[in-house]
N, C-alpha and C. Protein backbone atom coordinates (compact mmCIF):
# COMPACT_ATOMS: atom_id res chain seq x y z
N MET A 1 68.30 16.24 35.34
CA MET A 1 69.60 15.90 36.31
C MET A 1 70.37 14.47 36.20
N SER A 2 71.79 14.78 36.06
CA SER A 2 72.47 13.27 35.67
C SER A 2 72.53 12.05 36.81
N ASP A 3 72.84 11.06 35.69
CA ASP A 3 72.83 9.54 36.91
C ASP A 3 73.81 9.67 38.25
N VAL A 4 74.57 10.70 38.07
CA VAL A 4 75.52 10.47 39.32
C VAL A 4 74.71 11.00 40.44
N TYR A 5 73.80 12.35 40.47
CA TYR A 5 73.09 12.50 41.34
C TYR A 5 71.67 11.33 41.74
N GLN A 6 71.09 10.94 40.53
CA GLN A 6 70.37 9.95 40.89
C GLN A 6 70.41 8.87 41.24
N GLN A 7 71.37 8.18 41.42
CA GLN A 7 71.95 6.86 41.51
C GLN A 7 73.18 6.99 43.32
N GLY A 8 73.60 7.95 42.77
CA GLY A 8 74.28 8.50 44.29
C GLY A 8 74.18 8.30 45.70
N PRO A 9 74.89 8.09 46.43
CA PRO A 9 74.41 8.47 48.05
C PRO A 9 73.86 9.55 48.21
N ALA A 10 72.54 9.52 49.42
CA ALA A 10 71.71 10.68 49.87
C ALA A 10 72.14 11.80 50.00
N ARG A 11 73.54 11.63 50.09
CA ARG A 11 74.89 12.63 50.54
C ARG A 11 74.81 13.58 49.67
N LEU A 12 75.03 12.75 48.62
CA LEU A 12 75.49 13.58 47.07
C LEU A 12 74.10 14.28 46.58
N ARG A 13 73.16 13.50 46.74
CA ARG A 13 71.80 14.21 46.55
C ARG A 13 71.16 15.55 47.21
N SER A 14 71.96 15.27 48.25
CA SER A 14 70.71 16.68 49.27
C SER A 14 71.16 17.76 48.71
N LYS A 15 72.31 18.29 48.37
CA LYS A 15 73.12 19.68 47.78
C LYS A 15 73.31 19.52 46.49
N ALA A 16 72.70 18.75 45.42
CA ALA A 16 73.51 18.47 44.58
C ALA A 16 73.39 19.92 43.63
N TYR A 17 73.16 21.21 43.79
CA TYR A 17 72.98 22.27 43.00
C TYR A 17 74.31 22.48 43.39
N LEU A 18 75.33 22.66 43.91
CA LEU A 18 76.36 22.88 44.55
C LEU A 18 77.51 21.69 43.82
N GLY A 19 76.81 20.97 43.41
CA GLY A 19 78.21 20.50 42.34
C GLY A 19 78.73 19.33 43.14
N THR A 20 79.06 17.99 42.02
CA THR A 20 79.76 17.18 42.50
C THR A 20 81.03 16.87 41.75
N GLY A 21 82.14 16.61 41.92
CA GLY A 21 83.27 16.25 41.02
C GLY A 21 84.12 15.20 41.50
N TRP A 22 84.97 15.09 40.78
CA TRP A 22 86.29 14.27 41.12
C TRP A 22 87.23 14.68 42.53
N GLY A 23 87.41 14.22 43.23
CA GLY A 23 88.14 14.60 44.30
C GLY A 23 89.94 15.30 43.69
N PHE A 24 90.67 15.83 44.38
CA PHE A 24 91.98 16.23 44.10
C PHE A 24 92.59 16.18 45.19
N PRO A 25 93.55 15.49 44.99
CA PRO A 25 94.21 14.56 43.99
C PRO A 25 92.95 13.42 43.38
N PRO A 26 93.09 13.00 42.05
CA PRO A 26 92.60 11.57 41.77
C PRO A 26 92.56 10.67 42.68
N THR A 27 91.54 9.60 43.43
CA THR A 27 92.47 8.88 44.40
C THR A 27 90.94 7.67 43.67
N PHE A 28 91.62 6.67 43.97
CA PHE A 28 90.43 5.51 43.46
C PHE A 28 89.89 4.78 44.89
N GLU A 29 88.67 4.48 44.79
CA GLU A 29 88.39 3.64 46.46
C GLU A 29 88.13 2.23 45.80
N ARG A 30 89.25 1.34 46.57
CA ARG A 30 89.29 -0.40 46.22
C ARG A 30 87.82 -0.86 46.56
N GLY A 31 87.43 -0.66 47.41
CA GLY A 31 85.94 -1.31 47.75
C GLY A 31 84.79 -1.34 46.64
N SER A 32 84.67 0.07 46.26
CA SER A 32 83.97 0.19 45.07
C SER A 32 84.35 0.50 43.50
N LYS A 33 85.59 0.38 43.57
CA LYS A 33 86.09 0.24 42.41
C LYS A 33 86.06 1.68 41.39
N GLY A 34 85.52 2.52 41.91
CA GLY A 34 85.01 3.69 41.65
C GLY A 34 86.29 4.68 42.37
N ILE A 35 85.81 6.14 41.82
CA ILE A 35 86.75 7.63 41.93
C ILE A 35 85.86 8.47 43.41
N ARG A 36 86.86 8.96 43.95
CA ARG A 36 86.26 9.74 45.02
C ARG A 36 85.44 10.57 44.92
N LEU A 37 84.62 10.96 45.09
CA LEU A 37 83.82 11.90 44.52
C LEU A 37 84.14 13.29 45.68
N VAL A 38 83.56 14.21 45.57
CA VAL A 38 83.00 15.18 46.51
C VAL A 38 82.11 16.21 46.08
N SER A 39 81.50 16.65 47.13
CA SER A 39 80.14 17.57 46.50
C SER A 39 79.83 18.61 47.73
N ALA A 40 79.29 19.32 46.91
CA ALA A 40 78.44 20.71 47.77
C ALA A 40 79.93 21.75 48.49
N GLU A 41 80.26 21.70 49.26
CA GLU A 41 80.72 22.41 50.30
C GLU A 41 82.30 22.13 49.76
N ASP A 42 83.08 20.80 49.81
CA ASP A 42 83.77 20.43 50.05
C ASP A 42 84.09 20.24 48.38
N ASP A 43 83.13 20.37 47.39
CA ASP A 43 83.93 20.57 45.71
C ASP A 43 84.66 21.94 45.55
N ILE A 44 83.58 22.86 46.38
CA ILE A 44 84.36 24.20 45.88
C ILE A 44 85.40 24.59 46.91
N CYS A 45 85.33 23.65 47.68
CA CYS A 45 86.99 24.10 48.38
C CYS A 45 87.98 23.54 47.57
N GLU A 46 87.61 22.21 46.89
CA GLU A 46 88.66 21.88 46.22
C GLU A 46 89.01 22.82 44.80
N SER A 47 87.61 23.33 44.04
CA SER A 47 87.86 23.98 43.00
C SER A 47 88.76 25.29 43.30
N LEU A 48 88.21 25.85 44.62
CA LEU A 48 89.29 27.04 44.88
C LEU A 48 90.64 26.33 45.01
N GLN A 49 91.12 25.30 45.74
CA GLN A 49 92.90 25.06 45.24
C GLN A 49 93.25 24.52 44.22
N ILE A 50 92.41 24.18 43.09
CA ILE A 50 92.98 24.03 42.11
C ILE A 50 92.88 25.07 40.95
N LEU A 51 92.36 26.22 41.24
CA LEU A 51 92.26 27.88 40.63
C LEU A 51 93.26 27.89 40.80
N LEU A 52 93.90 28.30 42.36
CA LEU A 52 94.49 29.17 42.44
C LEU A 52 96.10 28.29 41.82
N SER A 53 96.16 27.31 42.12
CA SER A 53 97.27 26.74 42.01
C SER A 53 97.63 26.55 40.49
N THR A 54 96.83 26.85 39.39
CA THR A 54 96.84 26.45 37.96
C THR A 54 97.67 28.03 37.40
N SER A 55 98.10 27.59 36.43
CA SER A 55 98.60 29.23 36.13
C SER A 55 97.81 29.18 34.73
N LEU A 56 97.67 30.68 34.41
CA LEU A 56 96.82 30.83 33.41
C LEU A 56 97.76 29.92 31.67
N GLY A 57 96.55 29.51 31.07
CA GLY A 57 97.77 28.48 29.90
C GLY A 57 97.72 27.42 30.05
N GLU A 58 97.49 26.97 31.63
CA GLU A 58 97.66 25.53 31.68
C GLU A 58 96.62 24.61 31.54
N ARG A 59 95.78 25.21 31.32
CA ARG A 59 94.64 24.27 31.19
C ARG A 59 94.23 24.03 29.74
N VAL A 60 94.43 23.01 29.51
CA VAL A 60 93.72 22.75 27.90
C VAL A 60 92.23 22.89 27.71
N MET A 61 92.07 23.42 26.54
CA MET A 61 90.67 24.35 26.01
C MET A 61 90.28 24.90 26.97
N GLN A 62 91.35 25.61 28.07
CA GLN A 62 90.42 26.67 28.99
C GLN A 62 91.77 27.82 29.65
N PRO A 63 92.67 28.49 28.26
CA PRO A 63 93.73 29.18 28.45
C PRO A 63 93.13 30.21 29.59
N THR A 64 92.31 30.65 29.81
CA THR A 64 92.27 32.08 30.93
C THR A 64 91.61 31.13 32.26
N TYR A 65 91.97 30.00 32.49
CA TYR A 65 91.84 29.57 33.76
C TYR A 65 92.81 29.46 34.36
N GLY A 66 92.65 29.69 35.58
CA GLY A 66 93.92 29.92 36.25
C GLY A 66 94.21 31.37 37.63
N CYS A 67 95.27 31.29 37.78
CA CYS A 67 95.42 32.48 38.48
C CYS A 67 97.16 33.38 38.54
N ASN A 68 97.74 32.44 38.37
CA ASN A 68 99.33 33.25 37.77
C ASN A 68 100.16 33.44 39.24
N LEU A 69 99.52 32.75 40.16
CA LEU A 69 100.39 33.07 41.77
C LEU A 69 101.94 33.03 41.27
N GLN A 70 102.35 31.76 40.55
CA GLN A 70 103.67 31.25 40.51
C GLN A 70 104.13 32.38 39.66
N ASP A 71 104.03 33.44 39.31
CA ASP A 71 104.67 34.41 38.70
C ASP A 71 105.50 35.67 39.90
N LEU A 72 104.51 35.49 40.95
CA LEU A 72 105.11 36.16 42.05
C LEU A 72 106.02 35.55 43.13
N LEU A 73 106.24 34.25 42.59
CA LEU A 73 107.43 33.44 43.13
C LEU A 73 108.88 34.26 43.14
N PHE A 74 109.55 34.18 44.78
CA PHE A 74 110.46 34.75 44.95
C PHE A 74 110.68 36.46 44.82
N GLU A 75 109.22 36.91 44.93
CA GLU A 75 109.08 38.48 44.69
C GLU A 75 109.07 38.51 46.38
N PRO A 76 109.97 39.40 47.35
CA PRO A 76 109.49 39.74 48.47
C PRO A 76 108.16 40.11 48.65
N PHE A 77 107.28 40.31 49.85
CA PHE A 77 105.94 40.25 50.32
C PHE A 77 106.01 41.03 50.42
N SER A 78 105.86 42.23 49.43
CA SER A 78 105.69 43.63 49.72
C SER A 78 103.85 44.33 49.77
N PRO A 79 103.56 44.93 50.17
CA PRO A 79 102.09 45.97 49.63
C PRO A 79 101.84 45.61 48.83
N THR A 80 102.87 46.03 47.49
CA THR A 80 102.79 45.92 46.60
C THR A 80 102.22 44.26 45.73
N VAL A 81 102.85 43.37 46.23
CA VAL A 81 102.75 42.40 46.13
C VAL A 81 101.79 41.40 46.42
N ALA A 82 101.38 42.02 47.94
CA ALA A 82 100.07 41.23 48.48
C ALA A 82 99.02 42.52 47.74
N SER A 83 98.77 43.17 47.26
CA SER A 83 97.65 43.69 46.04
C SER A 83 97.68 42.94 45.12
N SER A 84 98.88 42.80 44.43
CA SER A 84 98.75 41.69 43.03
C SER A 84 98.10 40.69 42.94
N VAL A 85 98.22 39.89 44.72
CA VAL A 85 97.95 38.73 45.26
C VAL A 85 96.46 39.11 45.29
N LYS A 86 95.73 39.65 45.59
CA LYS A 86 94.47 39.58 46.06
C LYS A 86 93.79 40.12 44.67
N GLU A 87 94.37 40.86 43.62
CA GLU A 87 93.59 40.98 42.54
C GLU A 87 93.52 39.83 41.29
N LEU A 88 94.61 39.02 41.51
CA LEU A 88 94.78 37.69 40.67
C LEU A 88 93.68 37.01 41.60
N ILE A 89 93.56 36.57 42.61
CA ILE A 89 92.79 35.94 43.23
C ILE A 89 91.04 36.38 43.24
N ARG A 90 90.93 37.58 43.43
CA ARG A 90 89.97 38.23 43.33
C ARG A 90 89.26 38.02 41.72
N ILE A 91 90.03 38.10 40.74
CA ILE A 91 89.30 38.17 38.91
C ILE A 91 89.78 36.56 38.72
N ALA A 92 89.91 35.50 39.30
CA ALA A 92 90.02 34.51 38.67
C ALA A 92 89.05 33.61 39.85
N ILE A 93 88.71 33.75 41.24
CA ILE A 93 87.35 33.62 41.43
C ILE A 93 86.23 34.31 40.69
N LEU A 94 86.51 35.51 40.22
CA LEU A 94 84.56 36.05 39.87
C LEU A 94 84.53 36.10 38.75
N TYR A 95 85.60 35.16 37.63
CA TYR A 95 85.47 34.60 36.34
C TYR A 95 85.05 33.07 36.23
N HIS A 96 85.84 32.15 37.43
CA HIS A 96 85.89 30.90 37.64
C HIS A 96 85.17 29.82 38.35
N GLU A 97 84.78 31.02 39.57
CA GLU A 97 83.79 30.32 40.39
C GLU A 97 82.44 30.96 40.83
N PRO A 98 81.73 30.74 40.01
CA PRO A 98 80.10 31.24 39.77
C PRO A 98 79.96 31.26 41.16
N ARG A 99 79.93 29.90 42.02
CA ARG A 99 78.65 29.32 42.87
C ARG A 99 79.29 30.26 44.26
N ILE A 100 79.85 31.60 43.87
CA ILE A 100 80.36 31.64 45.40
C ILE A 100 80.43 33.34 45.37
N LEU A 101 80.60 33.97 46.31
CA LEU A 101 80.79 35.85 46.47
C LEU A 101 81.92 35.96 47.42
N LEU A 102 82.87 36.61 47.08
CA LEU A 102 83.81 36.68 47.54
C LEU A 102 84.13 38.01 48.28
N ASN A 103 83.84 37.57 50.05
CA ASN A 103 84.20 38.73 50.62
C ASN A 103 85.07 39.34 51.04
N GLN A 104 86.22 38.64 51.29
CA GLN A 104 87.53 39.45 51.75
C GLN A 104 88.26 38.07 51.76
N LEU A 105 89.44 38.97 51.54
CA LEU A 105 91.36 38.17 51.10
C LEU A 105 92.00 38.55 52.88
N ASP A 106 92.92 37.47 52.91
CA ASP A 106 93.42 38.34 54.42
C ASP A 106 94.78 37.13 53.86
N PHE A 107 95.95 37.64 54.67
CA PHE A 107 97.07 37.76 54.19
C PHE A 107 97.40 37.24 56.19
N ASN A 108 98.19 35.64 56.18
CA ASN A 108 98.16 35.27 57.65
C ASN A 108 99.98 35.32 57.25
N LEU A 109 100.64 36.57 57.81
CA LEU A 109 102.09 36.73 57.87
C LEU A 109 102.97 35.61 58.73
N ASP A 110 102.79 35.03 59.33
CA ASP A 110 103.22 34.64 60.58
C ASP A 110 104.48 33.32 60.26
N GLU A 111 104.40 32.71 59.36
CA GLU A 111 105.17 31.74 58.66
C GLU A 111 106.02 32.01 57.37
N GLN A 112 106.33 33.50 57.39
CA GLN A 112 106.82 34.07 56.30
C GLN A 112 108.62 33.76 55.98
N LEU A 113 108.48 33.86 57.52
CA LEU A 113 110.18 33.74 57.34
C LEU A 113 110.31 32.53 57.13
N GLN A 114 109.95 31.12 56.94
CA GLN A 114 110.14 29.92 56.58
C GLN A 114 109.16 29.79 55.12
N GLY A 115 108.64 31.01 54.61
CA GLY A 115 108.86 30.88 52.81
C GLY A 115 107.16 30.93 52.69
N VAL A 116 105.89 30.86 53.68
CA VAL A 116 105.23 30.84 53.62
C VAL A 116 103.93 31.67 53.87
N VAL A 117 103.19 32.26 52.99
CA VAL A 117 101.80 33.02 53.48
C VAL A 117 100.70 32.64 53.32
N ASN A 118 100.01 32.71 54.20
CA ASN A 118 98.68 31.68 54.33
C ASN A 118 97.45 32.46 53.54
N ILE A 119 97.01 32.52 52.70
CA ILE A 119 96.20 33.59 52.12
C ILE A 119 94.61 32.80 52.39
N THR A 120 93.87 33.67 53.07
CA THR A 120 92.29 33.14 53.85
C THR A 120 91.40 33.94 52.91
N VAL A 121 90.64 33.36 52.07
CA VAL A 121 89.43 33.33 51.43
C VAL A 121 88.54 33.44 52.28
N ASP A 122 87.87 34.50 52.33
CA ASP A 122 86.23 34.40 53.12
C ASP A 122 85.55 34.36 52.08
N TYR A 123 84.59 33.57 51.66
CA TYR A 123 83.66 33.27 50.52
C TYR A 123 82.09 33.12 51.43
N THR A 124 81.07 33.24 50.46
CA THR A 124 79.37 33.45 50.78
C THR A 124 79.36 32.38 49.67
N ILE A 125 78.86 31.39 49.68
CA ILE A 125 77.84 30.52 48.93
C ILE A 125 76.58 31.07 48.24
N ILE A 126 76.37 31.80 47.33
CA ILE A 126 75.61 32.52 47.05
C ILE A 126 74.09 31.59 46.92
N SER A 127 74.04 30.39 46.85
CA SER A 127 72.46 29.69 46.55
C SER A 127 72.03 29.53 48.14
N THR A 128 72.81 29.37 49.32
CA THR A 128 72.25 28.76 50.58
C THR A 128 73.02 30.41 51.38
N ASN A 129 73.52 30.95 50.70
CA ASN A 129 74.13 31.82 51.95
C ASN A 129 75.05 31.88 53.16
N SER A 130 75.67 30.81 52.68
CA SER A 130 76.52 30.21 53.81
C SER A 130 77.96 30.59 53.73
N ARG A 131 78.21 30.99 55.00
CA ARG A 131 79.73 31.20 54.72
C ARG A 131 80.82 30.39 54.87
N PHE A 132 82.20 30.67 54.45
CA PHE A 132 83.14 29.59 54.66
C PHE A 132 84.37 30.26 54.55
N ASN A 133 85.40 29.80 54.93
CA ASN A 133 86.85 30.14 54.44
C ASN A 133 87.58 29.33 53.66
N PHE A 134 88.57 29.33 53.57
CA PHE A 134 89.47 28.52 52.70
C PHE A 134 90.77 29.09 52.65
N VAL A 135 91.93 28.67 53.35
CA VAL A 135 92.95 28.93 53.50
C VAL A 135 93.86 28.01 52.97
N TYR A 136 94.63 29.03 51.44
CA TYR A 136 96.00 28.25 51.02
C TYR A 136 97.19 28.93 51.14
N PRO A 137 98.09 27.94 51.27
CA PRO A 137 99.50 28.02 51.35
C PRO A 137 99.98 28.38 50.43
N PHE A 138 100.37 29.99 50.11
CA PHE A 138 101.33 30.42 49.47
C PHE A 138 102.89 30.11 49.37
N TYR A 139 103.64 29.60 48.97
CA TYR A 139 104.94 29.68 48.75
C TYR A 139 106.08 30.50 48.28
N LEU A 140 106.35 31.06 48.97
CA LEU A 140 107.23 32.35 48.29
C LEU A 140 108.55 31.54 47.72
N GLN A 141 109.13 30.43 48.11
CA GLN A 141 109.77 30.10 47.31
C GLN A 141 109.95 29.07 46.80
N GLU A 142 110.25 28.20 45.97
CA GLU A 142 110.33 27.19 44.84
C GLU A 142 110.30 26.39 45.75
N GLY A 143 109.70 25.06 45.74
CA GLY A 143 110.18 23.40 46.77
C GLY A 143 110.11 23.57 48.22
N SER A 144 109.35 24.82 48.55
CA SER A 144 109.37 25.22 50.29
C SER A 144 108.43 24.46 50.48
N GLY A 145 107.36 23.60 50.14
CA GLY A 145 106.19 23.08 50.15
C GLY A 145 105.60 21.67 49.76
N ASN A 146 105.07 21.27 50.28
CA ASN A 146 104.89 19.56 49.80
C ASN A 146 105.33 18.50 50.03
N LEU A 147 105.59 17.75 48.42
CA LEU A 147 106.42 16.78 48.91
C LEU A 147 107.79 17.35 48.69
N LEU A 148 108.86 18.33 47.98
CA LEU A 148 109.25 19.16 47.69
C LEU A 148 110.26 19.18 48.80
N SER A 149 109.25 19.17 50.50
CA SER A 149 109.78 19.48 51.50
C SER A 149 109.76 18.12 52.43
N VAL A 150 109.98 17.00 51.91
CA VAL A 150 109.70 15.81 52.95
C VAL A 150 111.22 15.33 52.87
N ALA A 151 111.32 14.97 54.22
CA ALA A 151 112.82 14.76 54.62
C ALA A 151 112.91 13.36 54.04
N PRO A 152 114.18 12.98 53.79
CA PRO A 152 114.33 11.56 53.10
C PRO A 152 114.42 10.42 54.04
N GLY A 153 113.85 9.54 53.65
CA GLY A 153 113.16 8.19 53.99
C GLY A 153 111.63 8.75 54.70
N THR A 154 110.90 9.73 54.41
CA THR A 154 109.83 9.94 55.06
C THR A 154 108.48 9.67 53.91
N ALA A 155 109.02 9.93 52.75
CA ALA A 155 108.21 9.63 52.10
C ALA A 155 107.04 8.86 52.17
N LYS A 156 105.60 9.08 51.69
CA LYS A 156 104.32 8.68 51.90
C LYS A 156 103.97 7.78 50.46
N PHE A 157 105.02 7.34 49.95
CA PHE A 157 104.53 6.63 48.46
C PHE A 157 105.57 5.53 48.63
N PRO A 158 105.29 4.35 48.04
CA PRO A 158 106.11 3.61 47.98
C PRO A 158 107.18 3.59 47.04
N ILE A 159 108.11 3.18 47.00
CA ILE A 159 109.53 3.43 45.88
C ILE A 159 109.85 2.14 45.22
N ARG A 160 109.82 2.13 44.23
CA ARG A 160 109.62 0.97 43.28
C ARG A 160 111.19 0.67 43.36
N GLU A 161 111.82 -0.96 43.81
CA GLU A 161 112.76 -1.06 44.16
C GLU A 161 113.55 -1.50 42.53
N ASP A 162 113.28 -1.97 41.94
CA ASP A 162 113.26 -2.20 40.46
C ASP A 162 114.07 -0.64 39.56
N LEU A 163 113.03 0.34 39.73
CA LEU A 163 113.33 1.43 39.57
C LEU A 163 114.79 2.37 39.75
N GLU A 164 115.25 1.85 41.13
CA GLU A 164 116.19 2.01 41.81
C GLU A 164 117.44 1.30 41.63
N VAL A 165 117.39 0.24 40.66
CA VAL A 165 118.21 -0.84 40.25
C VAL A 165 118.48 -0.20 39.00
N ILE A 166 117.56 0.02 38.06
CA ILE A 166 117.82 0.38 36.96
C ILE A 166 118.91 1.93 36.78
N ALA A 167 118.36 2.46 38.00
CA ALA A 167 119.24 3.78 38.16
C ALA A 167 120.71 3.65 38.46
N GLU A 168 120.52 2.55 39.12
CA GLU A 168 122.03 2.40 39.44
C GLU A 168 122.54 2.24 38.60
N SER A 169 122.45 1.13 37.73
CA SER A 169 123.09 0.52 36.55
C SER A 169 123.55 1.27 35.77
N SER A 170 122.95 2.33 35.27
CA SER A 170 122.89 2.91 34.42
C SER A 170 124.12 4.17 34.12
N VAL A 171 124.07 4.46 35.60
CA VAL A 171 125.19 5.02 36.11
C VAL A 171 126.68 4.99 35.92
């Protein structure tokens, strides 16, 4: 057993067989001067998020890791595209997430006019026989999600004044 499980808190040791890893995106905790860790069901959920967000060939030393959903960007969400998405996700989970068994994939098209199709992944954790689901927002148009859709002046990260001055002076 690794040092993380032996020395970590009891909540990390209780389901150590499901895994523990860095949270995504990686964040550091000020008080403990360590990195935020996720374990058990949360680790599987974040693993699915990374798997579905990664293109084939994007990961160094693991060229087959990923899902290539970005190849379907700008495609009209037809039954053919839906079938392709299901197959891409099914194969990615089959090869890269051995802790779970895929039960069902569903699409929620309620926000399709806004450029979002919510993909619901219903799965069972094999070692505990527990069922969970994971919702992955698939953006049909580039830039329609996350930080790219944040309104000006509402960003959640600090903007360095010195960088703006440099940018203005070089124009």
